[in-house]
N, C-alpha and C. Protein backbone atom coordinates (compact mmCIF):
# COMPACT_ATOMS: atom_id res chain seq x y z
N MET A 1 0.81 -1.19 0.00
CA MET A 1 0.00 0.00 0.00
C MET A 1 0.87 1.27 0.00
N MET A 2 1.96 1.25 0.77
CA MET A 2 2.86 2.41 0.80
C MET A 2 3.45 2.69 -0.57
N ARG A 3 3.74 1.64 -1.32
CA ARG A 3 4.30 1.80 -2.66
C ARG A 3 3.28 2.51 -3.56
N THR A 4 2.01 2.16 -3.46
CA THR A 4 0.96 2.79 -4.26
C THR A 4 0.81 4.26 -3.89
N ILE A 5 0.81 4.57 -2.60
CA ILE A 5 0.71 5.95 -2.15
C ILE A 5 1.91 6.74 -2.65
N ASP A 6 3.09 6.15 -2.54
CA ASP A 6 4.31 6.83 -2.99
C ASP A 6 4.27 7.08 -4.50
N ASN A 7 3.77 6.12 -5.26
CA ASN A 7 3.67 6.29 -6.71
C ASN A 7 2.67 7.39 -7.08
N CYS A 8 1.54 7.45 -6.37
CA CYS A 8 0.56 8.51 -6.61
C CYS A 8 1.15 9.87 -6.27
N MET A 9 1.85 9.94 -5.14
CA MET A 9 2.50 11.19 -4.76
C MET A 9 3.55 11.60 -5.79
N ALA A 10 4.31 10.62 -6.29
CA ALA A 10 5.35 10.92 -7.29
C ALA A 10 4.71 11.49 -8.55
N ALA A 11 3.57 10.96 -8.95
CA ALA A 11 2.88 11.47 -10.14
C ALA A 11 2.41 12.90 -9.91
N LEU A 12 1.85 13.18 -8.74
CA LEU A 12 1.43 14.55 -8.42
C LEU A 12 2.62 15.50 -8.37
N GLU A 13 3.72 15.02 -7.82
CA GLU A 13 4.93 15.85 -7.73
C GLU A 13 5.49 16.16 -9.12
N ARG A 14 5.45 15.18 -10.01
CA ARG A 14 5.91 15.44 -11.38
C ARG A 14 5.00 16.46 -12.07
N ALA A 15 3.68 16.35 -11.86
CA ALA A 15 2.75 17.31 -12.43
C ALA A 15 3.01 18.71 -11.87
N ALA A 16 3.29 18.79 -10.58
CA ALA A 16 3.59 20.08 -9.96
C ALA A 16 4.88 20.67 -10.54
N MET A 17 5.87 19.82 -10.80
CA MET A 17 7.11 20.30 -11.41
C MET A 17 6.86 20.83 -12.82
N ILE A 18 5.99 20.17 -13.56
CA ILE A 18 5.65 20.64 -14.91
C ILE A 18 4.97 22.00 -14.83
N LEU A 19 4.05 22.16 -13.88
CA LEU A 19 3.39 23.46 -13.71
C LEU A 19 4.39 24.55 -13.30
N ALA A 20 5.33 24.20 -12.43
CA ALA A 20 6.37 25.16 -12.04
C ALA A 20 7.23 25.54 -13.23
N SER A 21 7.56 24.56 -14.06
CA SER A 21 8.36 24.83 -15.26
C SER A 21 7.61 25.73 -16.23
N LEU A 22 6.32 25.46 -16.41
CA LEU A 22 5.51 26.31 -17.28
C LEU A 22 5.40 27.72 -16.72
N SER A 23 5.38 27.84 -15.40
CA SER A 23 5.34 29.17 -14.77
C SER A 23 6.63 29.93 -15.05
N ILE A 24 7.76 29.23 -15.00
CA ILE A 24 9.04 29.89 -15.33
C ILE A 24 9.03 30.35 -16.79
N LEU A 25 8.54 29.49 -17.67
CA LEU A 25 8.47 29.89 -19.09
C LEU A 25 7.54 31.09 -19.27
N GLY A 26 6.39 31.04 -18.59
CA GLY A 26 5.45 32.17 -18.67
C GLY A 26 6.05 33.44 -18.11
N LEU A 27 6.78 33.32 -17.03
CA LEU A 27 7.44 34.48 -16.43
C LEU A 27 8.46 35.08 -17.39
N GLY A 28 9.26 34.22 -18.00
CA GLY A 28 10.25 34.70 -18.97
C GLY A 28 9.60 35.36 -20.17
N LEU A 29 8.53 34.75 -20.67
CA LEU A 29 7.81 35.32 -21.80
C LEU A 29 7.17 36.66 -21.44
N LEU A 30 6.61 36.75 -20.25
CA LEU A 30 6.00 37.99 -19.79
C LEU A 30 7.03 39.12 -19.72
N VAL A 31 8.17 38.83 -19.13
CA VAL A 31 9.22 39.85 -19.01
C VAL A 31 9.73 40.24 -20.39
N PHE A 32 9.96 39.24 -21.25
CA PHE A 32 10.44 39.52 -22.61
C PHE A 32 9.46 40.42 -23.36
N LEU A 33 8.18 40.06 -23.34
CA LEU A 33 7.19 40.85 -24.08
C LEU A 33 7.00 42.24 -23.49
N SER A 34 7.10 42.34 -22.18
CA SER A 34 6.96 43.64 -21.55
C SER A 34 8.13 44.56 -21.91
N VAL A 35 9.34 44.01 -21.86
CA VAL A 35 10.52 44.81 -22.23
C VAL A 35 10.45 45.17 -23.71
N LEU A 36 10.09 44.21 -24.55
CA LEU A 36 9.97 44.47 -25.98
C LEU A 36 8.91 45.54 -26.25
N GLY A 37 7.78 45.44 -25.56
CA GLY A 37 6.71 46.43 -25.74
C GLY A 37 7.14 47.81 -25.29
N ARG A 38 7.87 47.88 -24.20
CA ARG A 38 8.35 49.18 -23.73
C ARG A 38 9.38 49.78 -24.69
N ALA A 39 10.23 48.93 -25.23
CA ALA A 39 11.27 49.42 -26.13
C ALA A 39 10.69 49.80 -27.50
N ALA A 40 9.79 48.98 -28.02
CA ALA A 40 9.29 49.20 -29.38
C ALA A 40 8.07 50.11 -29.42
N LEU A 41 7.17 49.96 -28.47
CA LEU A 41 5.90 50.68 -28.52
C LEU A 41 5.73 51.69 -27.39
N ASN A 42 6.73 51.79 -26.54
CA ASN A 42 6.68 52.66 -25.37
C ASN A 42 5.50 52.31 -24.45
N ARG A 43 5.13 51.03 -24.46
CA ARG A 43 4.05 50.52 -23.59
C ARG A 43 4.39 49.11 -23.17
N GLY A 44 4.27 48.83 -21.88
CA GLY A 44 4.50 47.48 -21.39
C GLY A 44 3.18 46.74 -21.24
N ILE A 45 3.25 45.54 -20.76
CA ILE A 45 2.05 44.75 -20.48
C ILE A 45 1.44 45.28 -19.18
N PRO A 46 0.13 45.49 -19.16
CA PRO A 46 -0.49 45.99 -17.93
C PRO A 46 -0.28 45.02 -16.75
N ASP A 47 0.02 45.57 -15.60
CA ASP A 47 0.22 44.80 -14.36
C ASP A 47 1.31 43.73 -14.50
N ASP A 48 2.30 43.99 -15.36
CA ASP A 48 3.34 42.98 -15.58
C ASP A 48 4.13 42.67 -14.31
N ILE A 49 4.40 43.66 -13.48
CA ILE A 49 5.17 43.42 -12.26
C ILE A 49 4.35 42.58 -11.28
N LEU A 50 3.07 42.87 -11.16
CA LEU A 50 2.19 42.09 -10.29
C LEU A 50 2.11 40.64 -10.77
N ILE A 51 1.88 40.45 -12.06
CA ILE A 51 1.76 39.10 -12.61
C ILE A 51 3.07 38.34 -12.47
N ALA A 52 4.19 39.03 -12.67
CA ALA A 52 5.50 38.39 -12.50
C ALA A 52 5.67 37.93 -11.06
N GLY A 53 5.28 38.77 -10.12
CA GLY A 53 5.37 38.38 -8.71
C GLY A 53 4.48 37.19 -8.39
N LEU A 54 3.30 37.15 -8.98
CA LEU A 54 2.39 36.02 -8.74
C LEU A 54 2.90 34.74 -9.38
N LEU A 55 3.57 34.85 -10.51
CA LEU A 55 4.11 33.65 -11.17
C LEU A 55 5.29 33.05 -10.40
N VAL A 56 5.88 33.83 -9.51
CA VAL A 56 6.97 33.30 -8.69
C VAL A 56 6.43 32.29 -7.67
N VAL A 57 5.17 32.44 -7.26
CA VAL A 57 4.58 31.55 -6.26
C VAL A 57 4.66 30.08 -6.69
N PRO A 58 4.14 29.71 -7.87
CA PRO A 58 4.26 28.30 -8.25
C PRO A 58 5.70 27.85 -8.48
N VAL A 59 6.55 28.77 -8.93
CA VAL A 59 7.95 28.41 -9.15
C VAL A 59 8.62 28.01 -7.84
N VAL A 60 8.25 28.67 -6.75
CA VAL A 60 8.87 28.40 -5.45
C VAL A 60 8.21 27.22 -4.73
N VAL A 61 6.89 27.19 -4.71
CA VAL A 61 6.21 26.25 -3.81
C VAL A 61 5.91 24.89 -4.44
N LEU A 62 5.66 24.83 -5.74
CA LEU A 62 5.29 23.54 -6.34
C LEU A 62 6.41 22.50 -6.35
N PRO A 63 7.67 22.89 -6.50
CA PRO A 63 8.73 21.86 -6.49
C PRO A 63 9.11 21.33 -5.11
N LEU A 64 8.59 21.89 -4.03
CA LEU A 64 9.04 21.49 -2.69
C LEU A 64 8.92 19.99 -2.43
N ALA A 65 7.78 19.40 -2.76
CA ALA A 65 7.58 17.97 -2.50
C ALA A 65 8.51 17.12 -3.36
N TYR A 66 8.69 17.50 -4.60
CA TYR A 66 9.59 16.78 -5.50
C TYR A 66 11.02 16.80 -4.96
N ILE A 67 11.43 17.96 -4.51
CA ILE A 67 12.79 18.10 -3.96
C ILE A 67 12.93 17.29 -2.68
N GLN A 68 11.89 17.26 -1.86
CA GLN A 68 11.93 16.46 -0.63
C GLN A 68 12.07 14.97 -0.98
N ARG A 69 11.32 14.52 -1.97
CA ARG A 69 11.41 13.11 -2.38
C ARG A 69 12.81 12.77 -2.88
N ALA A 70 13.41 13.70 -3.61
CA ALA A 70 14.75 13.47 -4.17
C ALA A 70 15.85 13.75 -3.15
N ASP A 71 15.47 14.15 -1.94
CA ASP A 71 16.41 14.51 -0.89
C ASP A 71 17.35 15.60 -1.40
N GLY A 72 16.76 16.60 -2.06
CA GLY A 72 17.55 17.62 -2.71
C GLY A 72 17.63 18.95 -1.99
N HIS A 73 17.09 19.03 -0.78
CA HIS A 73 17.19 20.28 -0.03
C HIS A 73 18.64 20.49 0.39
N ILE A 74 19.02 21.74 0.50
CA ILE A 74 20.37 22.06 0.95
C ILE A 74 20.51 21.62 2.41
N ALA A 75 21.58 20.89 2.69
CA ALA A 75 21.81 20.41 4.05
C ALA A 75 23.30 20.50 4.36
N VAL A 76 23.59 20.93 5.56
CA VAL A 76 24.97 20.96 6.03
C VAL A 76 25.16 19.72 6.89
N THR A 77 26.00 18.81 6.42
CA THR A 77 26.13 17.50 7.08
C THR A 77 27.51 17.27 7.68
N VAL A 78 28.28 18.33 7.83
CA VAL A 78 29.64 18.19 8.36
C VAL A 78 29.61 17.56 9.76
N ALA A 79 28.65 17.97 10.56
CA ALA A 79 28.61 17.47 11.94
C ALA A 79 27.84 16.16 12.07
N THR A 80 27.15 15.73 11.02
CA THR A 80 26.33 14.53 11.15
C THR A 80 26.80 13.35 10.31
N ASN A 81 27.71 13.55 9.40
CA ASN A 81 28.16 12.46 8.53
C ASN A 81 28.74 11.28 9.30
N TRP A 82 29.33 11.52 10.42
CA TRP A 82 29.98 10.47 11.20
C TRP A 82 28.99 9.71 12.09
N LEU A 83 27.75 10.17 12.17
CA LEU A 83 26.76 9.50 13.02
C LEU A 83 26.26 8.21 12.37
N PRO A 84 25.77 7.27 13.17
CA PRO A 84 25.17 6.06 12.60
C PRO A 84 23.85 6.40 11.89
N ASP A 85 23.44 5.49 11.01
CA ASP A 85 22.22 5.71 10.23
C ASP A 85 21.00 6.00 11.10
N ARG A 86 20.88 5.31 12.21
CA ARG A 86 19.72 5.53 13.08
C ARG A 86 19.71 6.93 13.68
N ALA A 87 20.87 7.45 14.04
CA ALA A 87 20.94 8.80 14.59
C ALA A 87 20.62 9.84 13.51
N ILE A 88 21.15 9.62 12.31
CA ILE A 88 20.83 10.53 11.20
C ILE A 88 19.34 10.49 10.91
N ALA A 89 18.75 9.30 10.93
CA ALA A 89 17.31 9.16 10.70
C ALA A 89 16.52 9.89 11.78
N ALA A 90 16.99 9.83 13.03
CA ALA A 90 16.31 10.52 14.12
C ALA A 90 16.35 12.04 13.91
N LEU A 91 17.49 12.56 13.47
CA LEU A 91 17.59 13.99 13.19
C LEU A 91 16.70 14.39 12.02
N ARG A 92 16.68 13.57 10.99
CA ARG A 92 15.81 13.84 9.84
C ARG A 92 14.34 13.78 10.25
N LEU A 93 14.02 12.81 11.10
CA LEU A 93 12.66 12.68 11.60
C LEU A 93 12.24 13.95 12.34
N MET A 94 13.12 14.45 13.20
CA MET A 94 12.83 15.67 13.94
C MET A 94 12.65 16.85 12.98
N GLY A 95 13.52 16.96 11.99
CA GLY A 95 13.39 18.04 11.01
C GLY A 95 12.09 17.96 10.22
N ASN A 96 11.71 16.73 9.85
CA ASN A 96 10.47 16.55 9.11
C ASN A 96 9.25 16.89 9.97
N LEU A 97 9.30 16.53 11.24
CA LEU A 97 8.21 16.88 12.16
C LEU A 97 8.09 18.40 12.31
N LEU A 98 9.23 19.06 12.47
CA LEU A 98 9.21 20.53 12.54
C LEU A 98 8.68 21.13 11.23
N GLY A 99 9.08 20.54 10.10
CA GLY A 99 8.60 21.02 8.81
C GLY A 99 7.10 20.87 8.67
N ILE A 100 6.57 19.73 9.10
CA ILE A 100 5.11 19.54 9.05
C ILE A 100 4.42 20.56 9.93
N GLY A 101 4.97 20.78 11.12
CA GLY A 101 4.37 21.77 12.01
C GLY A 101 4.35 23.16 11.41
N PHE A 102 5.49 23.60 10.91
CA PHE A 102 5.58 24.95 10.36
C PHE A 102 4.78 25.10 9.07
N PHE A 103 5.05 24.25 8.09
CA PHE A 103 4.39 24.38 6.80
C PHE A 103 2.92 23.99 6.86
N GLY A 104 2.59 23.06 7.75
CA GLY A 104 1.19 22.68 7.91
C GLY A 104 0.34 23.84 8.41
N VAL A 105 0.84 24.54 9.42
CA VAL A 105 0.11 25.70 9.96
C VAL A 105 0.02 26.80 8.91
N MET A 106 1.13 27.09 8.25
CA MET A 106 1.13 28.12 7.22
C MET A 106 0.16 27.76 6.09
N GLY A 107 0.22 26.52 5.64
CA GLY A 107 -0.67 26.08 4.57
C GLY A 107 -2.13 26.14 4.98
N TRP A 108 -2.41 25.77 6.23
CA TRP A 108 -3.79 25.80 6.72
C TRP A 108 -4.35 27.22 6.69
N PHE A 109 -3.56 28.19 7.16
CA PHE A 109 -4.04 29.56 7.18
C PHE A 109 -4.28 30.09 5.76
N VAL A 110 -3.40 29.77 4.84
CA VAL A 110 -3.60 30.22 3.46
C VAL A 110 -4.81 29.50 2.86
N PHE A 111 -4.89 28.17 3.05
CA PHE A 111 -6.00 27.40 2.50
C PHE A 111 -7.35 27.89 3.03
N SER A 112 -7.40 28.18 4.32
CA SER A 112 -8.68 28.61 4.91
C SER A 112 -9.08 30.01 4.45
N SER A 113 -8.16 30.80 3.94
CA SER A 113 -8.51 32.14 3.46
C SER A 113 -9.03 32.13 2.03
N VAL A 114 -8.76 31.08 1.28
CA VAL A 114 -9.13 31.05 -0.15
C VAL A 114 -10.65 31.14 -0.36
N PRO A 115 -11.49 30.35 0.32
CA PRO A 115 -12.94 30.47 0.05
C PRO A 115 -13.49 31.87 0.35
N ARG A 116 -13.02 32.47 1.43
CA ARG A 116 -13.48 33.82 1.79
C ARG A 116 -13.08 34.82 0.71
N GLU A 117 -11.83 34.74 0.26
CA GLU A 117 -11.36 35.68 -0.75
C GLU A 117 -12.05 35.46 -2.09
N PHE A 118 -12.38 34.21 -2.38
CA PHE A 118 -13.11 33.91 -3.61
C PHE A 118 -14.53 34.49 -3.54
N SER A 119 -15.21 34.24 -2.42
CA SER A 119 -16.60 34.71 -2.30
C SER A 119 -16.70 36.23 -2.23
N GLN A 120 -15.68 36.88 -1.67
CA GLN A 120 -15.69 38.34 -1.59
C GLN A 120 -15.19 38.99 -2.88
N GLY A 121 -14.64 38.19 -3.77
CA GLY A 121 -14.15 38.72 -5.04
C GLY A 121 -12.95 39.64 -4.88
N LEU A 122 -12.08 39.32 -3.92
CA LEU A 122 -10.90 40.16 -3.69
C LEU A 122 -9.96 40.11 -4.88
N TYR A 123 -9.35 41.25 -5.16
CA TYR A 123 -8.43 41.34 -6.29
C TYR A 123 -7.32 42.33 -5.95
N TYR A 124 -6.23 42.24 -6.72
CA TYR A 124 -5.13 43.19 -6.59
C TYR A 124 -5.48 44.42 -7.40
N ASP A 125 -5.25 45.59 -6.82
CA ASP A 125 -5.49 46.82 -7.56
C ASP A 125 -4.55 46.91 -8.75
N GLY A 126 -5.08 47.37 -9.86
CA GLY A 126 -4.29 47.52 -11.07
C GLY A 126 -5.23 47.62 -12.26
N GLN A 127 -4.66 47.64 -13.42
CA GLN A 127 -5.46 47.76 -14.64
C GLN A 127 -6.28 46.51 -14.91
N LEU A 128 -5.78 45.34 -14.52
CA LEU A 128 -6.44 44.08 -14.85
C LEU A 128 -7.30 43.51 -13.73
N ASP A 129 -7.22 44.08 -12.53
CA ASP A 129 -7.96 43.56 -11.37
C ASP A 129 -7.77 42.05 -11.22
N VAL A 130 -6.54 41.62 -11.08
CA VAL A 130 -6.18 40.21 -10.96
C VAL A 130 -6.73 39.67 -9.64
N PRO A 131 -7.50 38.57 -9.67
CA PRO A 131 -8.04 38.03 -8.42
C PRO A 131 -6.94 37.47 -7.51
N VAL A 132 -7.20 37.53 -6.21
CA VAL A 132 -6.23 37.11 -5.20
C VAL A 132 -6.19 35.60 -5.05
N TRP A 133 -7.33 34.93 -5.12
CA TRP A 133 -7.43 33.54 -4.70
C TRP A 133 -6.67 32.52 -5.55
N PRO A 134 -6.50 32.67 -6.87
CA PRO A 134 -5.87 31.58 -7.63
C PRO A 134 -4.46 31.22 -7.16
N MET A 135 -3.60 32.20 -6.95
CA MET A 135 -2.24 31.88 -6.53
C MET A 135 -2.19 31.43 -5.08
N LYS A 136 -3.15 31.88 -4.27
CA LYS A 136 -3.21 31.35 -2.90
C LYS A 136 -3.62 29.89 -2.93
N ALA A 137 -4.50 29.52 -3.85
CA ALA A 137 -4.89 28.11 -3.99
C ALA A 137 -3.70 27.28 -4.48
N VAL A 138 -2.93 27.81 -5.41
CA VAL A 138 -1.73 27.12 -5.89
C VAL A 138 -0.74 26.95 -4.74
N PHE A 139 -0.57 28.00 -3.95
CA PHE A 139 0.33 27.95 -2.80
C PHE A 139 -0.13 26.86 -1.83
N ALA A 140 -1.43 26.84 -1.52
CA ALA A 140 -1.96 25.85 -0.59
C ALA A 140 -1.77 24.43 -1.14
N PHE A 141 -1.98 24.24 -2.44
CA PHE A 141 -1.78 22.92 -3.05
C PHE A 141 -0.32 22.49 -2.95
N GLY A 142 0.60 23.39 -3.24
CA GLY A 142 2.02 23.07 -3.16
C GLY A 142 2.44 22.72 -1.74
N ILE A 143 1.93 23.46 -0.77
CA ILE A 143 2.25 23.18 0.63
C ILE A 143 1.63 21.85 1.05
N LEU A 144 0.41 21.56 0.59
CA LEU A 144 -0.23 20.28 0.91
C LEU A 144 0.61 19.12 0.39
N LEU A 145 1.07 19.21 -0.85
CA LEU A 145 1.93 18.16 -1.40
C LEU A 145 3.21 18.00 -0.57
N PHE A 146 3.79 19.12 -0.18
CA PHE A 146 5.02 19.09 0.60
C PHE A 146 4.79 18.45 1.97
N VAL A 147 3.70 18.80 2.62
CA VAL A 147 3.40 18.23 3.94
C VAL A 147 3.14 16.72 3.83
N LEU A 148 2.44 16.31 2.78
CA LEU A 148 2.22 14.88 2.57
C LEU A 148 3.54 14.15 2.33
N ARG A 149 4.43 14.76 1.55
CA ARG A 149 5.74 14.13 1.30
C ARG A 149 6.56 14.09 2.58
N LEU A 150 6.46 15.14 3.41
CA LEU A 150 7.14 15.11 4.70
C LEU A 150 6.62 13.98 5.58
N ALA A 151 5.30 13.74 5.53
CA ALA A 151 4.71 12.64 6.31
C ALA A 151 5.26 11.29 5.82
N LEU A 152 5.37 11.13 4.52
CA LEU A 152 5.95 9.89 4.00
C LEU A 152 7.42 9.77 4.38
N SER A 153 8.13 10.89 4.41
CA SER A 153 9.54 10.88 4.84
C SER A 153 9.65 10.49 6.31
N ILE A 154 8.69 10.92 7.11
CA ILE A 154 8.69 10.55 8.53
C ILE A 154 8.54 9.04 8.67
N LEU A 155 7.65 8.45 7.88
CA LEU A 155 7.48 7.00 7.94
C LEU A 155 8.76 6.28 7.51
N LYS A 156 9.43 6.81 6.50
CA LYS A 156 10.68 6.22 6.02
C LYS A 156 11.76 6.30 7.10
N GLU A 157 11.90 7.45 7.72
CA GLU A 157 12.91 7.61 8.77
C GLU A 157 12.58 6.78 9.99
N ALA A 158 11.31 6.65 10.32
CA ALA A 158 10.91 5.81 11.45
C ALA A 158 11.25 4.35 11.19
N ALA A 159 11.08 3.92 9.94
CA ALA A 159 11.44 2.54 9.59
C ALA A 159 12.94 2.31 9.73
N ILE A 160 13.73 3.32 9.42
CA ILE A 160 15.18 3.20 9.57
C ILE A 160 15.54 3.13 11.05
N ILE A 161 14.91 3.97 11.86
CA ILE A 161 15.18 3.97 13.30
C ILE A 161 14.85 2.62 13.91
N LEU A 162 13.75 2.04 13.46
CA LEU A 162 13.30 0.75 13.99
C LEU A 162 13.98 -0.42 13.30
N ASN A 163 14.97 -0.14 12.46
CA ASN A 163 15.71 -1.16 11.71
C ASN A 163 14.83 -1.99 10.79
N LEU A 164 13.78 -1.39 10.28
CA LEU A 164 12.91 -2.09 9.34
C LEU A 164 13.37 -1.86 7.89
N ARG A 165 14.26 -0.89 7.72
CA ARG A 165 14.68 -0.52 6.38
C ARG A 165 16.09 0.05 6.43
N ASP A 166 16.86 -0.22 5.39
CA ASP A 166 18.20 0.32 5.27
C ASP A 166 18.12 1.71 4.66
N ARG A 167 18.99 2.62 5.08
CA ARG A 167 18.98 3.99 4.58
C ARG A 167 19.13 4.05 3.06
N HIS A 168 19.90 3.18 2.49
CA HIS A 168 20.20 3.23 1.06
C HIS A 168 19.22 2.42 0.23
N ALA A 169 18.24 1.80 0.85
CA ALA A 169 17.26 1.00 0.11
C ALA A 169 16.22 1.94 -0.50
N GLU A 170 15.89 1.75 -1.71
CA GLU A 170 14.86 2.54 -2.37
C GLU A 170 13.93 1.62 -3.02
């Protein structure tokens, strides 16, 4: 069952990475067209700075779960490399628990604000009146994926601590 859950999570994480990649492409295209419009037509894209800022949200938050699965977060291991696998797993377990606590609370507050902002029709001031809720929903989805991946990482580290699994087994 854990293998099935992990495979489903991996598929969602890959989809999130594709969306993040498309956001980077969209961001680059937006900046290019805005600069080109300002240079050639003396007019940029309306609300280009706001839209560029909003496109950074998926670029930052959607890859978090994928990076967690790949163990790709930046880590300083000078003081821990000499520890046994169980001790390293215990430290990772503690870090993952702290991550769930921090990101879970943050994600909950953002997620709980989305329905209210949608129903009130909140938007960013500007020429295009860009609604607030879509990127907050993307943020909440990215954080949800990350928290779920952290939970799976906790199970993995707990199995190592209990000697049910080798650290290098995948």
